[in-house]
PDB file of N, CA and C in Angstrom:
ATOM      1  N   MET A   1      97.364  40.080 -46.895  1.00  0.00           N
ATOM      2  CA  MET A   1      96.051  39.572 -47.015  1.00  0.00           C
ATOM      3  C   MET A   1      95.769  38.701 -45.845  1.00  0.00           C
ATOM      4  N   TYR A   2      94.519  38.732 -45.345  1.00  0.00           N
ATOM      5  CA  TYR A   2      94.163  37.988 -44.215  1.00  0.00           C
ATOM      6  C   TYR A   2      93.668  36.497 -44.704  1.00  0.00           C
ATOM      7  N   THR A   3      94.089  35.505 -44.147  1.00  0.00           N
ATOM      8  CA  THR A   3      93.505  34.233 -44.407  1.00  0.00           C
ATOM      9  C   THR A   3      92.282  34.023 -43.557  1.00  0.00           C
ATOM     10  N   LEU A   4      91.460  32.962 -43.952  1.00  0.00           N
ATOM     11  CA  LEU A   4      90.284  32.763 -43.223  1.00  0.00           C
ATOM     12  C   LEU A   4      90.618  32.393 -41.727  1.00  0.00           C
ATOM     13  N   ARG A   5      91.652  31.601 -41.499  1.00  0.00           N
ATOM     14  CA  ARG A   5      92.072  31.261 -40.241  1.00  0.00           C
ATOM     15  C   ARG A   5      92.489  32.461 -39.362  1.00  0.00           C
ATOM     16  N   THR A   6      93.229  33.337 -39.971  1.00  0.00           N
ATOM     17  CA  THR A   6      93.695  34.566 -39.255  1.00  0.00           C
ATOM     18  C   THR A   6      92.454  35.388 -38.872  1.00  0.00           C
ATOM     19  N   TYR A   7      91.606  35.553 -39.831  1.00  0.00           N
ATOM     20  CA  TYR A   7      90.373  36.391 -39.634  1.00  0.00           C
ATOM     21  C   TYR A   7      89.530  35.856 -38.406  1.00  0.00           C
ATOM     22  N   LEU A   8      89.344  34.476 -38.460  1.00  0.00           N
ATOM     23  CA  LEU A   8      88.585  33.837 -37.405  1.00  0.00           C
ATOM     24  C   LEU A   8      89.234  33.854 -36.108  1.00  0.00           C
ATOM     25  N   SER A   9      90.589  33.754 -36.125  1.00  0.00           N
ATOM     26  CA  SER A   9      91.311  33.755 -34.742  1.00  0.00           C
ATOM     27  C   SER A   9      91.142  35.273 -34.199  1.00  0.00           C
ATOM     28  N   GLN A  10      91.235  36.314 -35.069  1.00  0.00           N
ATOM     29  CA  GLN A  10      91.164  37.681 -34.490  1.00  0.00           C
ATOM     30  C   GLN A  10      89.705  37.942 -34.098  1.00  0.00           C
ATOM     31  N   PHE A  11      88.859  37.411 -34.792  1.00  0.00           N
ATOM     32  CA  PHE A  11      87.421  37.505 -34.477  1.00  0.00           C
ATOM     33  C   PHE A  11      87.010  36.979 -33.068  1.00  0.00           C
ATOM     34  N   LEU A  12      87.537  35.749 -32.755  1.00  0.00           N
ATOM     35  CA  LEU A  12      87.212  35.111 -31.684  1.00  0.00           C
ATOM     36  C   LEU A  12      87.870  35.726 -30.319  1.00  0.00           C
ATOM     37  N   LYS A  13      89.111  36.472 -30.639  1.00  0.00           N
ATOM     38  CA  LYS A  13      89.783  37.126 -29.568  1.00  0.00           C
ATOM     39  C   LYS A  13      89.264  38.460 -29.250  1.00  0.00           C
ATOM     40  N   ASP A  14      88.527  39.030 -30.278  1.00  0.00           N
ATOM     41  CA  ASP A  14      88.017  40.396 -29.950  1.00  0.00           C
ATOM     42  C   ASP A  14      86.850  40.451 -28.979  1.00  0.00           C
ATOM     43  N   GLU A  15      86.982  41.272 -28.044  1.00  0.00           N
ATOM     44  CA  GLU A  15      86.013  41.354 -26.970  1.00  0.00           C
ATOM     45  C   GLU A  15      85.417  42.745 -26.988  1.00  0.00           C
ATOM     46  N   GLN A  16      85.521  43.545 -28.051  1.00  0.00           N
ATOM     47  CA  GLN A  16      85.146  44.912 -28.063  1.00  0.00           C
ATOM     48  C   GLN A  16      83.636  45.098 -27.879  1.00  0.00           C
ATOM     49  N   GLY A  17      82.855  44.278 -28.314  1.00  0.00           N
ATOM     50  CA  GLY A  17      81.361  44.448 -28.264  1.00  0.00           C
ATOM     51  C   GLY A  17      80.671  43.759 -27.109  1.00  0.00           C
ATOM     52  N   GLN A  18      81.571  43.100 -26.207  1.00  0.00           N
ATOM     53  CA  GLN A  18      81.004  42.321 -25.138  1.00  0.00           C
ATOM     54  C   GLN A  18      80.211  43.172 -24.106  1.00  0.00           C
ATOM     55  N   ASP A  19      80.912  44.256 -23.737  1.00  0.00           N
ATOM     56  CA  ASP A  19      80.181  45.163 -22.757  1.00  0.00           C
ATOM     57  C   ASP A  19      78.794  45.577 -23.220  1.00  0.00           C
ATOM     58  N   LEU A  20      78.693  46.008 -24.504  1.00  0.00           N
ATOM     59  CA  LEU A  20      77.383  46.338 -25.075  1.00  0.00           C
ATOM     60  C   LEU A  20      76.408  45.278 -24.939  1.00  0.00           C
ATOM     61  N   ILE A  21      76.663  44.111 -25.204  1.00  0.00           N
ATOM     62  CA  ILE A  21      75.733  42.995 -25.115  1.00  0.00           C
ATOM     63  C   ILE A  21      75.392  42.738 -23.633  1.00  0.00           C
ATOM     64  N   GLU A  22      76.241  42.723 -22.746  1.00  0.00           N
ATOM     65  CA  GLU A  22      76.005  42.582 -21.385  1.00  0.00           C
ATOM     66  C   GLU A  22      74.986  43.687 -20.817  1.00  0.00           C
ATOM     67  N   TYR A  23      75.225  45.005 -21.219  1.00  0.00           N
ATOM     68  CA  TYR A  23      74.484  46.105 -20.795  1.00  0.00           C
ATOM     69  C   TYR A  23      73.040  45.979 -21.351  1.00  0.00           C
ATOM     70  N   THR A  24      73.039  45.484 -22.687  1.00  0.00           N
ATOM     71  CA  THR A  24      71.757  45.242 -23.320  1.00  0.00           C
ATOM     72  C   THR A  24      70.876  44.314 -22.558  1.00  0.00           C
ATOM     73  N   LEU A  25      71.423  43.170 -22.326  1.00  0.00           N
ATOM     74  CA  LEU A  25      70.781  42.009 -21.519  1.00  0.00           C
ATOM     75  C   LEU A  25      70.395  42.493 -20.180  1.00  0.00           C
ATOM     76  N   LEU A  26      71.190  43.238 -19.510  1.00  0.00           N
ATOM     77  CA  LEU A  26      70.852  43.763 -18.214  1.00  0.00           C
ATOM     78  C   LEU A  26      69.639  44.733 -18.323  1.00  0.00           C
ATOM     79  N   MET A  27      69.659  45.547 -19.404  1.00  0.00           N
ATOM     80  CA  MET A  27      68.439  46.536 -19.562  1.00  0.00           C
ATOM     81  C   MET A  27      67.183  45.755 -19.819  1.00  0.00           C
ATOM     82  N   ALA A  28      67.371  44.662 -20.622  1.00  0.00           N
ATOM     83  CA  ALA A  28      66.146  43.879 -21.052  1.00  0.00           C
ATOM     84  C   ALA A  28      65.721  43.381 -19.652  1.00  0.00           C
ATOM     85  N   PHE A  29      66.421  42.791 -18.825  1.00  0.00           N
ATOM     86  CA  PHE A  29      65.938  42.105 -17.625  1.00  0.00           C
ATOM     87  C   PHE A  29      65.235  43.122 -16.719  1.00  0.00           C
ATOM     88  N   ILE A  30      65.696  44.357 -16.571  1.00  0.00           N
ATOM     89  CA  ILE A  30      65.203  45.344 -15.814  1.00  0.00           C
ATOM     90  C   ILE A  30      63.871  45.772 -16.363  1.00  0.00           C
ATOM     91  N   ALA A  31      63.725  45.849 -17.701  1.00  0.00           N
ATOM     92  CA  ALA A  31      62.532  46.239 -18.416  1.00  0.00           C
ATOM     93  C   ALA A  31      61.495  45.160 -18.150  1.00  0.00           C
ATOM     94  N   LEU A  32      61.841  43.947 -18.172  1.00  0.00           N
ATOM     95  CA  LEU A  32      60.898  42.830 -17.945  1.00  0.00           C
ATOM     96  C   LEU A  32      60.380  42.790 -16.501  1.00  0.00           C
ATOM     97  N   ALA A  33      61.293  43.086 -15.680  1.00  0.00           N
ATOM     98  CA  ALA A  33      60.878  42.973 -14.133  1.00  0.00           C
ATOM     99  C   ALA A  33      60.005  44.163 -13.860  1.00  0.00           C
ATOM    100  N   SER A  34      60.389  45.362 -14.470  1.00  0.00           N
ATOM    101  CA  SER A  34      59.507  46.511 -14.223  1.00  0.00           C
ATOM    102  C   SER A  34      58.129  46.318 -14.823  1.00  0.00           C
ATOM    103  N   ALA A  35      58.069  45.722 -15.990  1.00  0.00           N
ATOM    104  CA  ALA A  35      56.692  45.529 -16.660  1.00  0.00           C
ATOM    105  C   ALA A  35      55.829  44.565 -15.736  1.00  0.00           C
ATOM    106  N   SER A  36      56.522  43.521 -15.257  1.00  0.00           N
ATOM    107  CA  SER A  36      55.699  42.605 -14.367  1.00  0.00           C
ATOM    108  C   SER A  36      55.213  43.138 -13.055  1.00  0.00           C
ATOM    109  N   ILE A  37      56.088  44.124 -12.568  1.00  0.00           N
ATOM    110  CA  ILE A  37      55.570  44.838 -11.289  1.00  0.00           C
ATOM    111  C   ILE A  37      54.478  45.776 -11.609  1.00  0.00           C
ATOM    112  N   PHE A  38      54.608  46.475 -12.813  1.00  0.00           N
ATOM    113  CA  PHE A  38      53.505  47.412 -13.079  1.00  0.00           C
ATOM    114  C   PHE A  38      52.156  46.676 -13.337  1.00  0.00           C
ATOM    115  N   ILE A  39      52.294  45.422 -14.105  1.00  0.00           N
ATOM    116  CA  ILE A  39      51.052  44.803 -14.361  1.00  0.00           C
ATOM    117  C   ILE A  39      50.382  44.260 -13.150  1.00  0.00           C
ATOM    118  N   SER A  40      51.259  43.750 -12.169  1.00  0.00           N
ATOM    119  CA  SER A  40      50.724  43.198 -10.932  1.00  0.00           C
ATOM    120  C   SER A  40      50.109  44.187 -10.036  1.00  0.00           C
ATOM    121  N   THR A  41      50.736  45.406 -10.071  1.00  0.00           N
ATOM    122  CA  THR A  41      50.101  46.589  -9.175  1.00  0.00           C
ATOM    123  C   THR A  41      48.950  47.290  -9.772  1.00  0.00           C
ATOM    124  N   GLY A  42      48.783  47.095 -11.086  1.00  0.00           N
ATOM    125  CA  GLY A  42      47.648  47.751 -11.770  1.00  0.00           C
ATOM    126  C   GLY A  42      46.282  47.433 -11.228  1.00  0.00           C
ATOM    127  N   GLY A  43      46.015  46.217 -10.779  1.00  0.00           N
ATOM    128  CA  GLY A  43      44.841  45.939 -10.166  1.00  0.00           C
ATOM    129  C   GLY A  43      44.601  46.521  -8.886  1.00  0.00           C
ATOM    130  N   SER A  44      45.727  46.592  -8.130  1.00  0.00           N
ATOM    131  CA  SER A  44      45.611  47.292  -6.782  1.00  0.00           C
ATOM    132  C   SER A  44      45.353  48.725  -6.887  1.00  0.00           C
ATOM    133  N   ILE A  45      45.928  49.413  -7.835  1.00  0.00           N
ATOM    134  CA  ILE A  45      45.745  50.874  -8.097  1.00  0.00           C
ATOM    135  C   ILE A  45      44.278  51.009  -8.617  1.00  0.00           C
ATOM    136  N   ALA A  46      43.715  50.214  -9.336  1.00  0.00           N
ATOM    137  CA  ALA A  46      42.384  50.333  -9.757  1.00  0.00           C
ATOM    138  C   ALA A  46      41.393  50.180  -8.524  1.00  0.00           C
ATOM    139  N   ASN A  47      41.631  49.148  -7.720  1.00  0.00           N
ATOM    140  CA  ASN A  47      40.816  49.097  -6.574  1.00  0.00           C
ATOM    141  C   ASN A  47      40.992  50.371  -5.635  1.00  0.00           C
ATOM    142  N   ILE A  48      42.067  50.859  -5.405  1.00  0.00           N
ATOM    143  CA  ILE A  48      42.290  52.045  -4.605  1.00  0.00           C
ATOM    144  C   ILE A  48      41.517  53.276  -5.240  1.00  0.00           C
ATOM    145  N   TRP A  49      41.606  53.471  -6.568  1.00  0.00           N
ATOM    146  CA  TRP A  49      40.946  54.404  -7.283  1.00  0.00           C
ATOM    147  C   TRP A  49      39.371  54.263  -7.116  1.00  0.00           C
ATOM    148  N   GLY A  50      38.966  53.050  -7.224  1.00  0.00           N
ATOM    149  CA  GLY A  50      37.543  52.835  -7.180  1.00  0.00           C
ATOM    150  C   GLY A  50      36.935  53.105  -5.821  1.00  0.00           C
ATOM    151  N   THR A  51      37.800  52.647  -4.751  1.00  0.00           N
ATOM    152  CA  THR A  51      37.348  53.076  -3.395  1.00  0.00           C
ATOM    153  C   THR A  51      37.243  54.595  -3.085  1.00  0.00           C
ATOM    154  N   ALA A  52      38.228  55.252  -3.546  1.00  0.00           N
ATOM    155  CA  ALA A  52      38.266  56.711  -3.420  1.00  0.00           C
ATOM    156  C   ALA A  52      37.124  57.367  -4.170  1.00  0.00           C
ATOM    157  N   ASN A  53      36.829  56.870  -5.338  1.00  0.00           N
ATOM    158  CA  ASN A  53      35.659  57.353  -6.061  1.00  0.00           C
ATOM    159  C   ASN A  53      34.391  57.085  -5.403  1.00  0.00           C
ATOM    160  N   THR A  54      34.156  55.953  -4.907  1.00  0.00           N
ATOM    161  CA  THR A  54      33.011  55.641  -4.202  1.00  0.00           C
ATOM    162  C   THR A  54      32.889  56.458  -2.908  1.00  0.00           C
ATOM    163  N   SER A  55      33.862  56.728  -2.312  1.00  0.00           N
ATOM    164  CA  SER A  55      33.799  57.581  -0.994  1.00  0.00           C
ATOM    165  C   SER A  55      33.426  58.970  -1.371  1.00  0.00           C
ATOM    166  N   LEU A  56      34.151  59.454  -2.371  1.00  0.00           N
ATOM    167  CA  LEU A  56      33.774  60.983  -2.824  1.00  0.00           C
ATOM    168  C   LEU A  56      32.441  61.102  -3.247  1.00  0.00           C
ATOM    169  N   SER A  57      31.911  60.012  -3.964  1.00  0.00           N
ATOM    170  CA  SER A  57      30.387  59.976  -4.374  1.00  0.00           C
ATOM    171  C   SER A  57      29.434  60.025  -3.256  1.00  0.00           C
ATOM    172  N   ASN A  58      29.847  59.163  -2.289  1.00  0.00           N
ATOM    173  CA  ASN A  58      28.905  59.006  -1.096  1.00  0.00           C
ATOM    174  C   ASN A  58      28.969  60.343  -0.347  1.00  0.00           C
ATOM    175  N   ALA A  59      30.176  61.015  -0.251  1.00  0.00           N
ATOM    176  CA  ALA A  59      30.276  62.256   0.426  1.00  0.00           C
ATOM    177  C   ALA A  59      29.526  63.410  -0.329  1.00  0.00           C
ATOM    178  N   ALA A  60      29.514  63.392  -1.603  1.00  0.00           N
ATOM    179  CA  ALA A  60      28.802  64.400  -2.390  1.00  0.00           C
ATOM    180  C   ALA A  60      27.225  64.202  -2.260  1.00  0.00           C
ATOM    181  N   VAL A  61      26.836  62.925  -2.186  1.00  0.00           N
ATOM    182  CA  VAL A  61      25.354  62.648  -2.015  1.00  0.00           C
ATOM    183  C   VAL A  61      25.002  63.204  -0.652  1.00  0.00           C
ATOM    184  N   SER A  62      25.819  62.829   0.436  1.00  0.00           N
ATOM    185  CA  SER A  62      25.433  63.266   1.821  1.00  0.00           C
ATOM    186  C   SER A  62      25.529  64.754   1.928  1.00  0.00           C
ATOM    187  N   ALA A  63      26.421  65.487   1.283  1.00  0.00           N
ATOM    188  CA  ALA A  63      26.475  66.971   1.269  1.00  0.00           C
ATOM    189  C   ALA A  63      25.217  67.555   0.653  1.00  0.00           C
ATOM    190  N   SER A  64      24.570  66.927  -0.228  1.00  0.00           N
ATOM    191  CA  SER A  64      23.478  67.650  -0.949  1.00  0.00           C
ATOM    192  C   SER A  64      22.227  67.610  -0.129  1.00  0.00           C
TER     193      SER A  64
END
């Protein structure tokens, strides 16, 4: 039978799930960085789309 001291000692020495936690933290950091990049570029893309839409509308009016 395991005593509480033996169980705690083995629990503290066990590093089996350490890699999983590190990869999870790394993935969370990458997701947050990607989200911030997408949010900041969203306005720029909207401006580009608006400019292209205006140019196409002006061209359609000129062609008529």
